[in-house]
N, C-alpha and C. Protein backbone atom coordinates (compact mmCIF):
# COMPACT_ATOMS: atom_id res chain seq x y z
N MET A 1 92.15 99.99 101.90
CA MET A 1 91.34 99.76 100.72
C MET A 1 91.70 98.39 100.14
N THR A 2 90.69 97.64 99.78
CA THR A 2 90.88 96.33 99.19
C THR A 2 91.37 96.47 97.76
N LEU A 3 92.30 95.65 97.37
CA LEU A 3 92.76 95.67 95.99
C LEU A 3 91.68 95.13 95.08
N LEU A 4 91.52 95.75 93.94
CA LEU A 4 90.56 95.26 92.96
C LEU A 4 91.16 94.05 92.27
N ARG A 5 90.40 92.98 92.29
CA ARG A 5 90.78 91.78 91.54
C ARG A 5 89.63 91.43 90.63
N VAL A 6 89.94 91.16 89.40
CA VAL A 6 88.94 90.69 88.45
C VAL A 6 89.28 89.23 88.19
N THR A 7 88.39 88.34 88.61
CA THR A 7 88.67 86.92 88.66
C THR A 7 87.63 86.13 87.87
N PRO A 8 88.06 85.14 87.06
CA PRO A 8 87.07 84.26 86.44
C PRO A 8 86.30 83.51 87.53
N VAL A 9 85.06 83.15 87.24
CA VAL A 9 84.23 82.54 88.27
C VAL A 9 83.50 81.32 87.73
N THR A 10 83.30 80.36 88.61
CA THR A 10 82.37 79.27 88.34
C THR A 10 81.32 79.30 89.43
N PHE A 11 80.17 78.72 89.15
CA PHE A 11 79.07 78.76 90.11
C PHE A 11 79.48 78.19 91.46
N ALA A 12 80.23 77.10 91.45
CA ALA A 12 80.61 76.43 92.70
C ALA A 12 81.48 77.30 93.59
N GLU A 13 82.16 78.28 93.00
CA GLU A 13 83.07 79.13 93.77
C GLU A 13 82.38 80.30 94.46
N LEU A 14 81.14 80.57 94.12
CA LEU A 14 80.47 81.73 94.70
C LEU A 14 80.12 81.48 96.16
N PRO A 15 80.39 82.45 97.03
CA PRO A 15 79.99 82.32 98.43
C PRO A 15 78.47 82.28 98.54
N ARG A 16 77.97 81.66 99.60
CA ARG A 16 76.52 81.54 99.82
C ARG A 16 76.22 81.74 101.28
N PRO A 17 75.08 82.27 101.61
CA PRO A 17 74.11 82.92 100.73
C PRO A 17 74.65 84.26 100.26
N ALA A 18 74.09 84.75 99.16
CA ALA A 18 74.57 86.00 98.60
C ALA A 18 73.57 86.56 97.61
N VAL A 19 73.75 87.84 97.32
CA VAL A 19 73.05 88.50 96.23
C VAL A 19 74.09 88.68 95.13
N VAL A 20 73.83 88.09 93.97
CA VAL A 20 74.77 88.11 92.85
C VAL A 20 74.22 89.02 91.76
N ASN A 21 75.01 90.03 91.41
CA ASN A 21 74.60 90.99 90.40
C ASN A 21 75.43 90.77 89.14
N VAL A 22 74.75 90.51 88.01
CA VAL A 22 75.41 90.30 86.72
C VAL A 22 75.24 91.58 85.92
N TRP A 23 76.35 92.14 85.46
CA TRP A 23 76.33 93.48 84.87
C TRP A 23 77.34 93.58 83.73
N ALA A 24 77.35 94.74 83.06
CA ALA A 24 78.31 95.02 81.99
C ALA A 24 78.71 96.49 82.04
N THR A 25 79.93 96.78 81.59
CA THR A 25 80.42 98.16 81.65
C THR A 25 79.64 99.09 80.72
N TRP A 26 79.13 98.56 79.61
CA TRP A 26 78.43 99.38 78.61
C TRP A 26 76.95 99.61 78.96
N CYS A 27 76.47 98.99 80.02
CA CYS A 27 75.05 99.00 80.38
C CYS A 27 74.72 100.21 81.25
N GLY A 28 73.90 101.13 80.73
CA GLY A 28 73.52 102.32 81.48
C GLY A 28 72.83 102.02 82.80
N PRO A 29 71.81 101.14 82.83
CA PRO A 29 71.18 100.81 84.10
C PRO A 29 72.14 100.17 85.10
N CYS A 30 73.12 99.41 84.61
CA CYS A 30 74.13 98.82 85.50
C CYS A 30 74.95 99.92 86.16
N ARG A 31 75.34 100.90 85.37
CA ARG A 31 76.10 102.04 85.91
C ARG A 31 75.27 102.80 86.94
N ALA A 32 73.97 102.92 86.68
CA ALA A 32 73.10 103.67 87.60
C ALA A 32 72.98 102.98 88.96
N GLU A 33 72.98 101.65 88.99
CA GLU A 33 72.82 100.95 90.26
C GLU A 33 74.14 100.69 90.98
N LEU A 34 75.25 100.92 90.31
CA LEU A 34 76.55 100.60 90.89
C LEU A 34 76.81 101.29 92.24
N PRO A 35 76.45 102.56 92.44
CA PRO A 35 76.67 103.16 93.76
C PRO A 35 75.93 102.43 94.89
N VAL A 36 74.73 101.93 94.62
CA VAL A 36 73.97 101.18 95.63
C VAL A 36 74.71 99.89 95.98
N LEU A 37 75.19 99.19 94.97
CA LEU A 37 75.93 97.94 95.19
C LEU A 37 77.26 98.20 95.89
N ALA A 38 77.95 99.27 95.48
CA ALA A 38 79.25 99.59 96.09
C ALA A 38 79.09 99.91 97.58
N ARG A 39 78.04 100.63 97.95
CA ARG A 39 77.80 100.92 99.38
C ARG A 39 77.58 99.64 100.16
N ALA A 40 76.81 98.72 99.59
CA ALA A 40 76.56 97.44 100.26
C ALA A 40 77.86 96.64 100.41
N LEU A 41 78.68 96.64 99.38
CA LEU A 41 79.96 95.94 99.45
C LEU A 41 80.86 96.53 100.53
N ARG A 42 80.94 97.85 100.56
CA ARG A 42 81.78 98.51 101.58
C ARG A 42 81.27 98.21 102.99
N ALA A 43 79.97 97.99 103.13
CA ALA A 43 79.38 97.68 104.43
C ALA A 43 79.55 96.20 104.79
N GLY A 44 80.15 95.42 103.90
CA GLY A 44 80.38 94.01 104.18
C GLY A 44 79.21 93.10 103.88
N GLU A 45 78.23 93.60 103.15
CA GLU A 45 77.07 92.77 102.79
C GLU A 45 77.49 91.69 101.79
N PRO A 46 76.80 90.55 101.77
CA PRO A 46 77.15 89.46 100.85
C PRO A 46 76.64 89.73 99.43
N VAL A 47 77.27 90.70 98.79
CA VAL A 47 76.94 91.07 97.42
C VAL A 47 78.13 90.69 96.55
N ILE A 48 77.84 90.04 95.44
CA ILE A 48 78.89 89.60 94.53
C ILE A 48 78.62 90.23 93.17
N LEU A 49 79.63 90.89 92.62
CA LEU A 49 79.53 91.46 91.28
C LEU A 49 80.12 90.49 90.28
N VAL A 50 79.34 90.16 89.25
CA VAL A 50 79.80 89.26 88.19
C VAL A 50 79.61 89.97 86.86
N ASN A 51 80.73 90.27 86.21
CA ASN A 51 80.66 90.91 84.91
C ASN A 51 80.30 89.87 83.86
N GLY A 52 79.53 90.29 82.87
CA GLY A 52 79.03 89.38 81.85
C GLY A 52 80.00 89.07 80.73
N GLY A 53 81.24 88.74 81.05
CA GLY A 53 82.16 88.21 80.06
C GLY A 53 83.03 89.19 79.31
N GLU A 54 83.16 90.41 79.80
CA GLU A 54 84.02 91.38 79.13
C GLU A 54 85.48 91.11 79.47
N ASP A 55 86.37 91.78 78.76
CA ASP A 55 87.80 91.65 79.01
C ASP A 55 88.12 92.11 80.44
N PRO A 56 88.79 91.26 81.23
CA PRO A 56 89.08 91.62 82.62
C PRO A 56 89.81 92.95 82.79
N LYS A 57 90.72 93.28 81.87
CA LYS A 57 91.43 94.57 81.98
C LYS A 57 90.47 95.74 81.79
N GLN A 58 89.53 95.59 80.87
CA GLN A 58 88.53 96.64 80.64
C GLN A 58 87.64 96.78 81.87
N VAL A 59 87.24 95.67 82.46
CA VAL A 59 86.40 95.69 83.66
C VAL A 59 87.14 96.36 84.80
N GLN A 60 88.41 95.99 84.98
CA GLN A 60 89.21 96.57 86.05
C GLN A 60 89.37 98.07 85.88
N ALA A 61 89.65 98.52 84.66
CA ALA A 61 89.80 99.95 84.39
C ALA A 61 88.49 100.69 84.67
N PHE A 62 87.38 100.12 84.24
CA PHE A 62 86.08 100.76 84.48
C PHE A 62 85.81 100.89 85.98
N LEU A 63 85.98 99.79 86.72
CA LEU A 63 85.69 99.83 88.15
C LEU A 63 86.59 100.81 88.88
N LYS A 64 87.84 100.87 88.48
CA LYS A 64 88.76 101.84 89.10
C LYS A 64 88.28 103.26 88.82
N SER A 65 87.79 103.51 87.61
CA SER A 65 87.34 104.86 87.25
C SER A 65 86.11 105.31 88.03
N VAL A 66 85.31 104.35 88.51
CA VAL A 66 84.11 104.71 89.28
C VAL A 66 84.30 104.47 90.77
N GLY A 67 85.53 104.12 91.18
CA GLY A 67 85.83 104.02 92.60
C GLY A 67 85.39 102.74 93.29
N VAL A 68 85.18 101.68 92.53
CA VAL A 68 84.83 100.39 93.14
C VAL A 68 86.11 99.59 93.27
N SER A 69 86.43 99.17 94.50
CA SER A 69 87.69 98.48 94.72
C SER A 69 87.52 97.05 95.21
N GLN A 70 86.30 96.57 95.30
CA GLN A 70 86.07 95.21 95.78
C GLN A 70 86.28 94.20 94.66
N GLU A 71 86.53 92.95 95.05
CA GLU A 71 86.74 91.89 94.08
C GLU A 71 85.51 91.74 93.19
N THR A 72 85.77 91.56 91.92
CA THR A 72 84.72 91.37 90.93
C THR A 72 85.06 90.13 90.12
N PHE A 73 84.05 89.37 89.79
CA PHE A 73 84.24 88.15 89.01
C PHE A 73 83.82 88.40 87.56
N VAL A 74 84.40 87.64 86.65
CA VAL A 74 84.03 87.70 85.24
C VAL A 74 83.56 86.31 84.83
N ASP A 75 82.36 86.26 84.25
CA ASP A 75 81.78 84.99 83.81
C ASP A 75 82.04 84.82 82.32
N SER A 76 82.60 83.67 81.94
CA SER A 76 82.86 83.42 80.52
C SER A 76 81.63 82.85 79.80
N GLY A 77 80.54 82.66 80.52
CA GLY A 77 79.31 82.19 79.88
C GLY A 77 78.51 81.17 80.66
N PRO A 78 79.15 80.21 81.34
CA PRO A 78 78.38 79.16 82.00
C PRO A 78 77.39 79.66 83.05
N LEU A 79 77.77 80.62 83.84
CA LEU A 79 76.87 81.13 84.87
C LEU A 79 75.66 81.81 84.23
N ARG A 80 75.91 82.66 83.24
CA ARG A 80 74.80 83.35 82.57
C ARG A 80 73.88 82.37 81.86
N GLN A 81 74.44 81.31 81.30
CA GLN A 81 73.62 80.30 80.64
C GLN A 81 72.79 79.53 81.66
N ALA A 82 73.42 79.10 82.74
CA ALA A 82 72.72 78.32 83.75
C ALA A 82 71.59 79.12 84.38
N TRP A 83 71.82 80.41 84.58
CA TRP A 83 70.80 81.25 85.22
C TRP A 83 69.90 81.95 84.21
N ARG A 84 70.12 81.67 82.93
CA ARG A 84 69.29 82.24 81.85
C ARG A 84 69.21 83.77 81.93
N VAL A 85 70.37 84.38 82.01
CA VAL A 85 70.43 85.84 82.04
C VAL A 85 69.97 86.36 80.69
N SER A 86 68.90 87.15 80.71
CA SER A 86 68.32 87.65 79.47
C SER A 86 68.58 89.14 79.25
N GLY A 87 69.16 89.80 80.22
CA GLY A 87 69.44 91.22 80.11
C GLY A 87 70.25 91.69 81.31
N TYR A 88 70.74 92.90 81.19
CA TYR A 88 71.55 93.49 82.26
C TYR A 88 70.88 94.74 82.80
N PRO A 89 71.04 95.00 84.07
CA PRO A 89 71.59 94.12 85.09
C PRO A 89 70.57 93.06 85.50
N SER A 90 71.09 91.90 85.89
CA SER A 90 70.27 90.82 86.45
C SER A 90 70.84 90.50 87.82
N THR A 91 69.96 90.39 88.80
CA THR A 91 70.38 90.13 90.17
C THR A 91 69.70 88.88 90.67
N PHE A 92 70.47 88.02 91.33
CA PHE A 92 69.99 86.73 91.80
C PHE A 92 70.26 86.59 93.29
N VAL A 93 69.30 86.03 94.00
CA VAL A 93 69.50 85.68 95.40
C VAL A 93 69.85 84.20 95.43
N VAL A 94 71.03 83.89 95.96
CA VAL A 94 71.50 82.51 96.04
C VAL A 94 71.42 82.08 97.50
N GLY A 95 70.66 81.01 97.74
CA GLY A 95 70.45 80.51 99.09
C GLY A 95 71.64 79.73 99.62
N ARG A 96 71.53 79.30 100.84
CA ARG A 96 72.61 78.59 101.54
C ARG A 96 73.06 77.32 100.82
N GLU A 97 72.13 76.63 100.16
CA GLU A 97 72.47 75.40 99.44
C GLU A 97 72.89 75.66 97.99
N GLY A 98 72.96 76.91 97.60
CA GLY A 98 73.40 77.25 96.25
C GLY A 98 72.30 77.38 95.23
N GLN A 99 71.05 77.28 95.64
CA GLN A 99 69.95 77.41 94.70
C GLN A 99 69.57 78.89 94.53
N VAL A 100 69.14 79.24 93.32
CA VAL A 100 68.63 80.59 93.07
C VAL A 100 67.22 80.64 93.62
N ILE A 101 66.98 81.52 94.59
CA ILE A 101 65.67 81.59 95.22
C ILE A 101 64.88 82.83 94.82
N ALA A 102 65.54 83.78 94.14
CA ALA A 102 64.83 84.97 93.65
C ALA A 102 65.70 85.60 92.57
N ARG A 103 65.03 86.37 91.70
CA ARG A 103 65.76 87.10 90.68
C ARG A 103 65.10 88.45 90.46
N HIS A 104 65.89 89.40 89.99
CA HIS A 104 65.41 90.75 89.71
C HIS A 104 66.09 91.21 88.43
N LEU A 105 65.30 91.63 87.46
CA LEU A 105 65.85 92.15 86.21
C LEU A 105 65.69 93.66 86.22
N GLY A 106 66.79 94.37 85.99
CA GLY A 106 66.77 95.82 85.98
C GLY A 106 67.56 96.38 87.15
N PRO A 107 67.75 97.71 87.16
CA PRO A 107 68.55 98.31 88.22
C PRO A 107 67.86 98.23 89.57
N LEU A 108 68.68 98.07 90.61
CA LEU A 108 68.17 97.97 91.98
C LEU A 108 68.24 99.32 92.68
N THR A 109 67.24 99.57 93.50
CA THR A 109 67.29 100.69 94.44
C THR A 109 67.83 100.15 95.76
N ALA A 110 68.22 101.03 96.66
CA ALA A 110 68.71 100.59 97.97
C ALA A 110 67.66 99.77 98.72
N PRO A 111 66.38 100.18 98.76
CA PRO A 111 65.38 99.35 99.45
C PRO A 111 65.20 97.97 98.81
N GLN A 112 65.25 97.90 97.49
CA GLN A 112 65.13 96.61 96.81
C GLN A 112 66.31 95.70 97.17
N LEU A 113 67.50 96.27 97.20
CA LEU A 113 68.68 95.48 97.56
C LEU A 113 68.58 94.99 99.00
N ARG A 114 68.14 95.84 99.91
CA ARG A 114 67.96 95.41 101.31
C ARG A 114 67.00 94.22 101.39
N GLY A 115 65.91 94.28 100.64
CA GLY A 115 64.95 93.18 100.62
C GLY A 115 65.56 91.89 100.11
N LEU A 116 66.37 91.98 99.06
CA LEU A 116 67.02 90.79 98.52
C LEU A 116 68.05 90.23 99.50
N LEU A 117 68.77 91.11 100.18
CA LEU A 117 69.74 90.66 101.17
C LEU A 117 69.05 89.95 102.33
N GLN A 118 67.90 90.47 102.74
CA GLN A 118 67.14 89.80 103.81
C GLN A 118 66.68 88.43 103.35
N ARG A 119 66.23 88.35 102.12
CA ARG A 119 65.76 87.07 101.59
C ARG A 119 66.90 86.05 101.52
N ALA A 120 68.10 86.51 101.19
CA ALA A 120 69.25 85.60 101.10
C ALA A 120 69.56 84.97 102.45
N GLN A 121 69.29 85.68 103.52
CA GLN A 121 69.64 85.18 104.86
C GLN A 121 68.58 84.25 105.44
N GLN A 122 67.41 84.18 104.81
CA GLN A 122 66.34 83.33 105.33
C GLN A 122 66.67 81.86 105.11
N PRO A 123 66.19 80.99 106.01
CA PRO A 123 66.40 79.55 105.81
C PRO A 123 65.73 79.08 104.52
N SER A 124 66.31 78.07 103.90
CA SER A 124 65.73 77.52 102.67
C SER A 124 64.40 76.85 102.99
N PRO A 125 63.44 76.94 102.04
CA PRO A 125 62.13 76.31 102.28
C PRO A 125 62.21 74.80 102.28
C-alpha cells in the first residue's frame, strides 16, 4: 500500500497528461465521486487529487478514514485561481504541454472519468 502524502502543489509540478480533480472534505458531491477516483488511482490511471486548500492534517485524516492511500496535493490558491475553480468538485483534463483542454464541474461517474482519461491521452490540437 502506498503511503498517503498530502503535499503542497504548484501547477508546474503536476504530471502531464492527467485528469486533475479539485475537491474538499466538506463537499458531499466530492465524497460521492471519491470511490470512482480511488479505483482509477489504484489502477494506475493518471488521476491527480488536489484538495482546495484545507489543512493537510485534516485532509490526511479524511482520506485515511475513507481508505484512500494515494498521494494527494493541497492547493493554497494559485491553481484554483488560475483555473477559475467556481465550485467543487471540479475536474480538469491537462494535456501533454500543460494546457487545460477540458473541464467538468460536478461529480464524475466512471464512464465520464474514462472519457476524460481518453481525452488526456490524445495528441494536442
